[in-house]
């Protein structure tokens, strides 16, 4: 489907960049949670968990927009009726809900605890790590659906 229209190709590029960036951010979040579990010092934890919103993780929300544009500008091989598109949409909805309702609030609490108490307890790191693992699993499932295109 690549190289059939300029619009499709541009949105495909943005889609891939947003997906790779989202994966990078989630992996960095997972590594930060592991640092808490391993008992990193206060300076390391404060550096990894600044007191600000995590806008980078919200790049996940670019994926359905670019995917929808690609589906609307592409041919029948990428139409919304294809099962793999449906799997991608369902994975996005689950991941977005989990990100906004569970992972980012957990990350915010961990950050506040670190900046108030100096360090977070290892259990908080494990909880955040499991939450990020759920997101990574959903993104991996969507990626498999996009690659397999069943």
N, C-alpha and C. Protein backbone atom coordinates (compact mmCIF):
# COMPACT_ATOMS: atom_id res chain seq x y z
N UNK A 1 0.82 -1.20 0.00
CA UNK A 1 0.00 0.00 0.00
C UNK A 1 0.86 1.26 0.00
N UNK A 2 2.11 1.15 0.37
CA UNK A 2 2.98 2.33 0.40
C UNK A 2 3.23 2.82 -1.02
N UNK A 3 3.38 4.12 -1.17
CA UNK A 3 3.68 4.79 -2.44
C UNK A 3 2.50 4.79 -3.40
N UNK A 4 1.29 4.83 -2.86
CA UNK A 4 0.14 4.95 -3.73
C UNK A 4 -0.40 6.38 -3.75
N UNK A 5 -0.17 7.12 -2.68
CA UNK A 5 -0.54 8.53 -2.66
C UNK A 5 0.36 9.26 -1.66
N UNK A 6 0.56 10.52 -1.91
CA UNK A 6 1.41 11.33 -1.03
C UNK A 6 0.78 11.43 0.36
N UNK A 7 -0.53 11.63 0.41
CA UNK A 7 -1.22 11.75 1.70
C UNK A 7 -1.05 10.49 2.52
N UNK A 8 -1.28 9.36 1.89
CA UNK A 8 -1.14 8.08 2.59
C UNK A 8 0.29 7.92 3.11
N UNK A 9 1.26 8.18 2.26
CA UNK A 9 2.65 7.99 2.65
C UNK A 9 3.07 8.91 3.79
N UNK A 10 2.61 10.17 3.78
CA UNK A 10 2.94 11.09 4.86
C UNK A 10 2.33 10.63 6.18
N UNK A 11 1.07 10.22 6.14
CA UNK A 11 0.43 9.76 7.37
C UNK A 11 1.01 8.43 7.83
N UNK A 12 1.43 7.59 6.90
CA UNK A 12 2.10 6.34 7.26
C UNK A 12 3.40 6.65 8.01
N UNK A 13 4.16 7.61 7.52
CA UNK A 13 5.41 8.00 8.15
C UNK A 13 5.16 8.54 9.57
N UNK A 14 4.18 9.41 9.70
CA UNK A 14 3.85 9.96 11.02
C UNK A 14 3.37 8.84 11.95
N UNK A 15 2.60 7.91 11.42
CA UNK A 15 2.09 6.78 12.20
C UNK A 15 3.25 5.93 12.74
N UNK A 16 4.20 5.62 11.89
CA UNK A 16 5.34 4.80 12.30
C UNK A 16 6.20 5.56 13.32
N UNK A 17 6.46 6.82 13.08
CA UNK A 17 7.26 7.62 14.02
C UNK A 17 6.55 7.71 15.37
N UNK A 18 5.25 7.93 15.37
CA UNK A 18 4.50 8.00 16.63
C UNK A 18 4.53 6.65 17.35
N UNK A 19 4.42 5.56 16.61
CA UNK A 19 4.46 4.23 17.23
C UNK A 19 5.82 3.94 17.85
N UNK A 20 6.88 4.25 17.12
CA UNK A 20 8.24 4.01 17.64
C UNK A 20 8.50 4.90 18.85
N UNK A 21 8.07 6.13 18.78
CA UNK A 21 8.26 7.05 19.90
C UNK A 21 7.47 6.59 21.12
N UNK A 22 6.25 6.15 20.91
CA UNK A 22 5.43 5.63 22.00
C UNK A 22 6.10 4.43 22.66
N UNK A 23 6.61 3.51 21.84
CA UNK A 23 7.33 2.36 22.39
C UNK A 23 8.55 2.79 23.19
N UNK A 24 9.28 3.76 22.68
CA UNK A 24 10.47 4.25 23.37
C UNK A 24 10.11 4.85 24.72
N UNK A 25 9.05 5.64 24.75
CA UNK A 25 8.62 6.26 26.00
C UNK A 25 8.17 5.19 27.00
N UNK A 26 7.40 4.22 26.54
CA UNK A 26 6.94 3.16 27.44
C UNK A 26 8.10 2.33 27.98
N UNK A 27 9.07 2.04 27.15
CA UNK A 27 10.24 1.29 27.60
C UNK A 27 11.03 2.11 28.62
N UNK A 28 11.16 3.41 28.39
CA UNK A 28 11.84 4.28 29.36
C UNK A 28 11.08 4.32 30.69
N UNK A 29 9.75 4.36 30.62
CA UNK A 29 8.95 4.33 31.84
C UNK A 29 9.16 3.02 32.59
N UNK A 30 9.22 1.92 31.84
CA UNK A 30 9.43 0.60 32.45
C UNK A 30 10.80 0.54 33.13
N UNK A 31 11.81 1.06 32.46
CA UNK A 31 13.16 1.07 33.02
C UNK A 31 13.22 1.95 34.28
N UNK A 32 12.48 3.04 34.29
CA UNK A 32 12.44 3.90 35.47
C UNK A 32 11.78 3.19 36.64
N UNK A 33 10.72 2.43 36.35
CA UNK A 33 10.06 1.67 37.40
C UNK A 33 11.01 0.60 37.97
N UNK A 34 11.78 -0.02 37.11
CA UNK A 34 12.76 -1.02 37.55
C UNK A 34 13.81 -0.38 38.46
N UNK A 35 14.20 0.85 38.17
CA UNK A 35 15.17 1.55 39.01
C UNK A 35 14.63 1.72 40.43
N UNK A 36 13.34 1.98 40.56
CA UNK A 36 12.74 2.09 41.89
C UNK A 36 12.80 0.74 42.60
N UNK A 37 12.43 -0.31 41.89
CA UNK A 37 12.44 -1.65 42.48
C UNK A 37 13.84 -2.03 42.95
N UNK A 38 14.84 -1.64 42.19
CA UNK A 38 16.22 -1.96 42.55
C UNK A 38 16.77 -1.06 43.65
N UNK A 39 15.99 -0.05 44.07
CA UNK A 39 16.42 0.81 45.17
C UNK A 39 17.34 1.93 44.76
N UNK A 40 17.10 2.52 43.62
CA UNK A 40 17.93 3.64 43.16
C UNK A 40 17.91 4.77 44.18
N UNK A 41 18.98 5.55 44.20
CA UNK A 41 19.07 6.65 45.15
C UNK A 41 18.07 7.76 44.80
N UNK A 42 17.93 8.68 45.72
CA UNK A 42 16.95 9.76 45.58
C UNK A 42 17.19 10.61 44.33
N UNK A 43 18.44 10.95 44.06
CA UNK A 43 18.75 11.79 42.89
C UNK A 43 18.34 11.10 41.59
N UNK A 44 18.61 9.81 41.49
CA UNK A 44 18.25 9.06 40.29
C UNK A 44 16.74 9.01 40.14
N UNK A 45 16.03 8.72 41.22
CA UNK A 45 14.57 8.64 41.14
C UNK A 45 13.97 9.99 40.81
N UNK A 46 14.48 11.06 41.39
CA UNK A 46 13.95 12.39 41.09
C UNK A 46 14.20 12.78 39.64
N UNK A 47 15.33 12.36 39.09
CA UNK A 47 15.64 12.66 37.70
C UNK A 47 14.71 11.89 36.76
N UNK A 48 14.42 10.65 37.11
CA UNK A 48 13.57 9.81 36.25
C UNK A 48 12.09 10.12 36.40
N UNK A 49 11.69 10.75 37.50
CA UNK A 49 10.30 11.08 37.75
C UNK A 49 10.15 12.55 38.11
N UNK A 50 10.26 13.43 37.12
CA UNK A 50 10.11 14.87 37.41
C UNK A 50 8.65 15.20 37.75
N UNK A 51 8.48 16.30 38.44
CA UNK A 51 7.13 16.75 38.81
C UNK A 51 6.49 17.50 37.65
N UNK A 52 6.07 16.77 36.64
CA UNK A 52 5.36 17.39 35.51
C UNK A 52 4.57 16.30 34.79
N UNK A 53 3.66 16.73 33.97
CA UNK A 53 2.84 15.78 33.21
C UNK A 53 3.69 15.08 32.15
N UNK A 54 3.35 13.84 31.90
CA UNK A 54 4.05 13.05 30.89
C UNK A 54 3.32 13.17 29.56
N UNK A 55 3.63 14.21 28.82
CA UNK A 55 2.98 14.41 27.52
C UNK A 55 3.50 13.44 26.48
N UNK A 56 4.73 13.00 26.63
CA UNK A 56 5.33 12.09 25.65
C UNK A 56 4.55 10.78 25.56
N UNK A 57 4.08 10.26 26.67
CA UNK A 57 3.33 9.01 26.66
C UNK A 57 2.01 9.17 25.90
N UNK A 58 1.53 10.38 25.84
CA UNK A 58 0.25 10.63 25.15
C UNK A 58 0.39 10.66 23.63
N UNK A 59 1.59 10.46 23.11
CA UNK A 59 1.75 10.29 21.66
C UNK A 59 0.96 9.08 21.17
N UNK A 60 0.64 8.19 22.08
CA UNK A 60 -0.21 7.04 21.75
C UNK A 60 -1.49 7.49 21.06
N UNK A 61 -1.99 8.66 21.43
CA UNK A 61 -3.25 9.15 20.87
C UNK A 61 -3.14 9.62 19.42
N UNK A 62 -1.94 9.74 18.91
CA UNK A 62 -1.74 10.10 17.50
C UNK A 62 -2.03 8.89 16.60
N UNK A 63 -1.81 7.70 17.12
CA UNK A 63 -1.92 6.49 16.31
C UNK A 63 -3.31 6.27 15.68
N UNK A 64 -4.41 6.40 16.41
CA UNK A 64 -5.69 6.17 15.74
C UNK A 64 -6.04 7.25 14.71
N UNK A 65 -5.57 8.47 14.96
CA UNK A 65 -5.84 9.56 14.02
C UNK A 65 -5.13 9.29 12.69
N UNK A 66 -3.85 8.98 12.77
CA UNK A 66 -3.11 8.70 11.54
C UNK A 66 -3.59 7.41 10.88
N UNK A 67 -3.93 6.42 11.70
CA UNK A 67 -4.45 5.17 11.15
C UNK A 67 -5.77 5.38 10.43
N UNK A 68 -6.63 6.20 10.99
CA UNK A 68 -7.92 6.49 10.34
C UNK A 68 -7.72 7.22 9.02
N UNK A 69 -6.83 8.19 9.00
CA UNK A 69 -6.56 8.92 7.75
C UNK A 69 -6.00 7.96 6.70
N UNK A 70 -5.10 7.08 7.10
CA UNK A 70 -4.55 6.11 6.14
C UNK A 70 -5.65 5.19 5.62
N UNK A 71 -6.53 4.77 6.50
CA UNK A 71 -7.62 3.88 6.08
C UNK A 71 -8.56 4.59 5.11
N UNK A 72 -8.81 5.87 5.35
CA UNK A 72 -9.73 6.63 4.48
C UNK A 72 -9.10 7.02 3.15
N UNK A 73 -7.78 7.18 3.12
CA UNK A 73 -7.12 7.58 1.88
C UNK A 73 -6.53 6.40 1.12
N UNK A 74 -6.53 5.23 1.73
CA UNK A 74 -5.96 4.05 1.09
C UNK A 74 -6.99 3.27 0.28
N UNK A 75 -6.56 2.17 -0.27
CA UNK A 75 -7.47 1.33 -1.04
C UNK A 75 -8.15 0.31 -0.12
N UNK A 76 -8.81 -0.70 -0.73
CA UNK A 76 -9.59 -1.66 0.06
C UNK A 76 -8.73 -2.54 0.97
N UNK A 77 -7.43 -2.61 0.73
CA UNK A 77 -6.58 -3.43 1.60
C UNK A 77 -6.39 -2.83 2.99
N UNK A 78 -6.71 -1.55 3.13
CA UNK A 78 -6.60 -0.90 4.44
C UNK A 78 -7.93 -0.28 4.87
N UNK A 79 -9.03 -0.81 4.36
CA UNK A 79 -10.34 -0.26 4.70
C UNK A 79 -10.70 -0.62 6.14
N UNK A 80 -11.63 0.13 6.69
CA UNK A 80 -12.06 -0.09 8.07
C UNK A 80 -12.75 -1.44 8.27
N UNK A 81 -13.10 -2.11 7.20
CA UNK A 81 -13.77 -3.41 7.31
C UNK A 81 -12.79 -4.56 7.51
N UNK A 82 -11.51 -4.30 7.38
CA UNK A 82 -10.50 -5.35 7.56
C UNK A 82 -10.40 -5.72 9.04
N UNK A 83 -10.33 -7.01 9.36
CA UNK A 83 -10.29 -7.42 10.77
C UNK A 83 -9.07 -6.87 11.54
N UNK A 84 -7.94 -6.78 10.89
CA UNK A 84 -6.75 -6.31 11.59
C UNK A 84 -6.85 -4.84 11.98
N UNK A 85 -7.64 -4.08 11.21
CA UNK A 85 -7.88 -2.67 11.58
C UNK A 85 -8.72 -2.64 12.86
N UNK A 86 -9.72 -3.51 12.92
CA UNK A 86 -10.55 -3.61 14.12
C UNK A 86 -9.75 -3.99 15.36
N UNK A 87 -8.82 -4.94 15.19
CA UNK A 87 -7.95 -5.33 16.30
C UNK A 87 -7.10 -4.14 16.75
N UNK A 88 -6.58 -3.39 15.79
CA UNK A 88 -5.78 -2.21 16.12
C UNK A 88 -6.60 -1.18 16.89
N UNK A 89 -7.83 -0.96 16.46
CA UNK A 89 -8.70 0.00 17.14
C UNK A 89 -9.01 -0.46 18.56
N UNK A 90 -9.34 -1.73 18.72
CA UNK A 90 -9.63 -2.26 20.06
C UNK A 90 -8.41 -2.18 20.97
N UNK A 91 -7.25 -2.50 20.43
CA UNK A 91 -6.01 -2.39 21.22
C UNK A 91 -5.75 -0.95 21.63
N UNK A 92 -5.99 -0.02 20.70
CA UNK A 92 -5.80 1.40 21.04
C UNK A 92 -6.75 1.81 22.15
N UNK A 93 -8.03 1.45 22.03
CA UNK A 93 -9.01 1.85 23.05
C UNK A 93 -8.62 1.30 24.42
N UNK A 94 -8.20 0.04 24.46
CA UNK A 94 -7.78 -0.55 25.73
C UNK A 94 -6.52 0.14 26.26
N UNK A 95 -5.55 0.37 25.38
CA UNK A 95 -4.29 1.00 25.80
C UNK A 95 -4.53 2.44 26.25
N UNK A 96 -5.32 3.18 25.52
CA UNK A 96 -5.59 4.58 25.88
C UNK A 96 -6.31 4.66 27.22
N UNK A 97 -7.29 3.80 27.41
CA UNK A 97 -7.99 3.78 28.68
C UNK A 97 -7.06 3.43 29.84
N UNK A 98 -6.23 2.43 29.63
CA UNK A 98 -5.30 2.01 30.68
C UNK A 98 -4.26 3.10 30.95
N UNK A 99 -3.76 3.73 29.90
CA UNK A 99 -2.77 4.79 30.05
C UNK A 99 -3.33 5.93 30.89
N UNK A 100 -4.51 6.40 30.52
CA UNK A 100 -5.08 7.58 31.18
C UNK A 100 -5.69 7.28 32.55
N UNK A 101 -6.23 6.08 32.72
CA UNK A 101 -6.91 5.76 33.98
C UNK A 101 -5.99 5.11 35.01
N UNK A 102 -4.94 4.45 34.56
CA UNK A 102 -4.11 3.70 35.50
C UNK A 102 -2.64 4.14 35.49
N UNK A 103 -2.00 4.05 34.33
CA UNK A 103 -0.55 4.24 34.28
C UNK A 103 -0.12 5.67 34.62
N UNK A 104 -0.68 6.66 33.94
CA UNK A 104 -0.25 8.03 34.20
C UNK A 104 -0.60 8.50 35.61
N UNK A 105 -1.79 8.14 36.16
CA UNK A 105 -2.03 8.50 37.56
C UNK A 105 -1.03 7.82 38.52
N UNK A 106 -0.69 6.56 38.25
CA UNK A 106 0.32 5.88 39.07
C UNK A 106 1.66 6.59 38.99
N UNK A 107 2.05 6.95 37.77
CA UNK A 107 3.32 7.64 37.59
C UNK A 107 3.32 8.98 38.34
N UNK A 108 2.21 9.68 38.31
CA UNK A 108 2.10 10.97 39.00
C UNK A 108 2.25 10.78 40.52
N UNK A 109 1.60 9.74 41.06
CA UNK A 109 1.70 9.47 42.49
C UNK A 109 3.13 9.10 42.86
N UNK A 110 3.77 8.25 42.06
CA UNK A 110 5.16 7.87 42.32
C UNK A 110 6.04 9.11 42.32
N UNK A 111 5.84 9.98 41.36
CA UNK A 111 6.63 11.21 41.28
C UNK A 111 6.43 12.08 42.52
N UNK A 112 5.20 12.23 42.94
CA UNK A 112 4.91 13.04 44.13
C UNK A 112 5.54 12.44 45.38
N UNK A 113 5.46 11.11 45.50
CA UNK A 113 6.07 10.44 46.66
C UNK A 113 7.58 10.65 46.66
N UNK A 114 8.20 10.50 45.50
CA UNK A 114 9.65 10.67 45.41
C UNK A 114 10.05 12.08 45.80
N UNK A 115 9.33 13.07 45.33
CA UNK A 115 9.70 14.46 45.61
C UNK A 115 9.33 14.89 47.03
N UNK A 116 8.42 14.13 47.66
CA UNK A 116 8.07 14.44 49.04
C UNK A 116 8.94 13.67 50.02
N UNK A 117 9.13 12.37 49.77
CA UNK A 117 9.84 11.50 50.71
C UNK A 117 11.29 11.21 50.31
N UNK A 118 11.68 11.59 49.12
CA UNK A 118 13.05 11.33 48.66
C UNK A 118 13.16 10.12 47.76
N UNK A 119 12.48 9.03 48.13
CA UNK A 119 12.46 7.81 47.30
C UNK A 119 11.08 7.17 47.39
N UNK A 120 10.77 6.34 46.42
CA UNK A 120 9.52 5.58 46.44
C UNK A 120 9.83 4.15 46.86
N UNK A 121 8.87 3.52 47.47
CA UNK A 121 9.02 2.12 47.90
C UNK A 121 9.09 1.21 46.68
N UNK A 122 9.83 0.12 46.77
CA UNK A 122 9.93 -0.82 45.65
C UNK A 122 8.56 -1.32 45.17
N UNK A 123 7.61 -1.47 46.08
CA UNK A 123 6.27 -1.94 45.68
C UNK A 123 5.61 -0.98 44.69
N UNK A 124 5.83 0.31 44.88
CA UNK A 124 5.27 1.29 43.94
C UNK A 124 5.90 1.11 42.56
N UNK A 125 7.19 0.84 42.51
CA UNK A 125 7.88 0.58 41.25
C UNK A 125 7.35 -0.66 40.57
N UNK A 126 7.10 -1.72 41.37
CA UNK A 126 6.54 -2.95 40.79
C UNK A 126 5.15 -2.71 40.22
N UNK A 127 4.33 -1.97 40.94
CA UNK A 127 2.97 -1.68 40.47
C UNK A 127 3.01 -0.87 39.17
N UNK A 128 3.85 0.14 39.13
CA UNK A 128 3.98 0.94 37.91
C UNK A 128 4.53 0.09 36.77
N UNK A 129 5.51 -0.75 37.06
CA UNK A 129 6.08 -1.62 36.04
C UNK A 129 5.04 -2.56 35.43
N UNK A 130 4.19 -3.14 36.28
CA UNK A 130 3.12 -4.03 35.77
C UNK A 130 2.13 -3.26 34.89
N UNK A 131 1.86 -2.03 35.28
CA UNK A 131 0.94 -1.21 34.49
C UNK A 131 1.53 -0.91 33.11
N UNK A 132 2.81 -0.57 33.08
CA UNK A 132 3.49 -0.31 31.80
C UNK A 132 3.58 -1.60 30.98
N UNK A 133 3.80 -2.73 31.65
CA UNK A 133 3.82 -4.01 30.94
C UNK A 133 2.50 -4.28 30.22
N UNK A 134 1.40 -3.93 30.86
CA UNK A 134 0.08 -4.09 30.23
C UNK A 134 0.00 -3.25 28.96
N UNK A 135 0.47 -2.00 29.05
CA UNK A 135 0.48 -1.14 27.86
C UNK A 135 1.36 -1.71 26.76
N UNK A 136 2.54 -2.18 27.13
CA UNK A 136 3.45 -2.75 26.14
C UNK A 136 2.83 -3.98 25.48
N UNK A 137 2.12 -4.78 26.24
CA UNK A 137 1.46 -5.96 25.67
C UNK A 137 0.38 -5.56 24.68
N UNK A 138 -0.39 -4.54 25.00
CA UNK A 138 -1.44 -4.08 24.08
C UNK A 138 -0.84 -3.49 22.81
N UNK A 139 0.23 -2.73 22.95
CA UNK A 139 0.90 -2.16 21.77
C UNK A 139 1.51 -3.28 20.93
N UNK A 140 2.08 -4.29 21.58
CA UNK A 140 2.66 -5.43 20.85
C UNK A 140 1.57 -6.19 20.09
N UNK A 141 0.43 -6.38 20.70
CA UNK A 141 -0.68 -7.06 20.02
C UNK A 141 -1.13 -6.27 18.79
N UNK A 142 -1.24 -4.95 18.94
CA UNK A 142 -1.61 -4.11 17.79
C UNK A 142 -0.55 -4.19 16.70
N UNK A 143 0.72 -4.17 17.09
CA UNK A 143 1.80 -4.27 16.12
C UNK A 143 1.73 -5.59 15.36
N UNK A 144 1.50 -6.67 16.07
CA UNK A 144 1.38 -7.98 15.41
C UNK A 144 0.21 -7.99 14.41
N UNK A 145 -0.89 -7.38 14.80
CA UNK A 145 -2.05 -7.30 13.90
C UNK A 145 -1.71 -6.48 12.67
N UNK A 146 -0.98 -5.38 12.84
CA UNK A 146 -0.63 -4.53 11.71
C UNK A 146 0.34 -5.25 10.77
N UNK A 147 1.26 -6.02 11.34
CA UNK A 147 2.23 -6.72 10.51
C UNK A 147 1.59 -7.93 9.80
N UNK A 148 0.77 -8.67 10.53
CA UNK A 148 0.15 -9.87 9.96
C UNK A 148 -0.94 -9.53 8.94
N UNK A 149 -1.68 -8.49 9.19
CA UNK A 149 -2.80 -8.05 8.32
C UNK A 149 -3.67 -9.22 7.88
N UNK A 150 -4.18 -9.95 8.84
CA UNK A 150 -5.03 -11.10 8.55
C UNK A 150 -6.37 -10.69 8.00
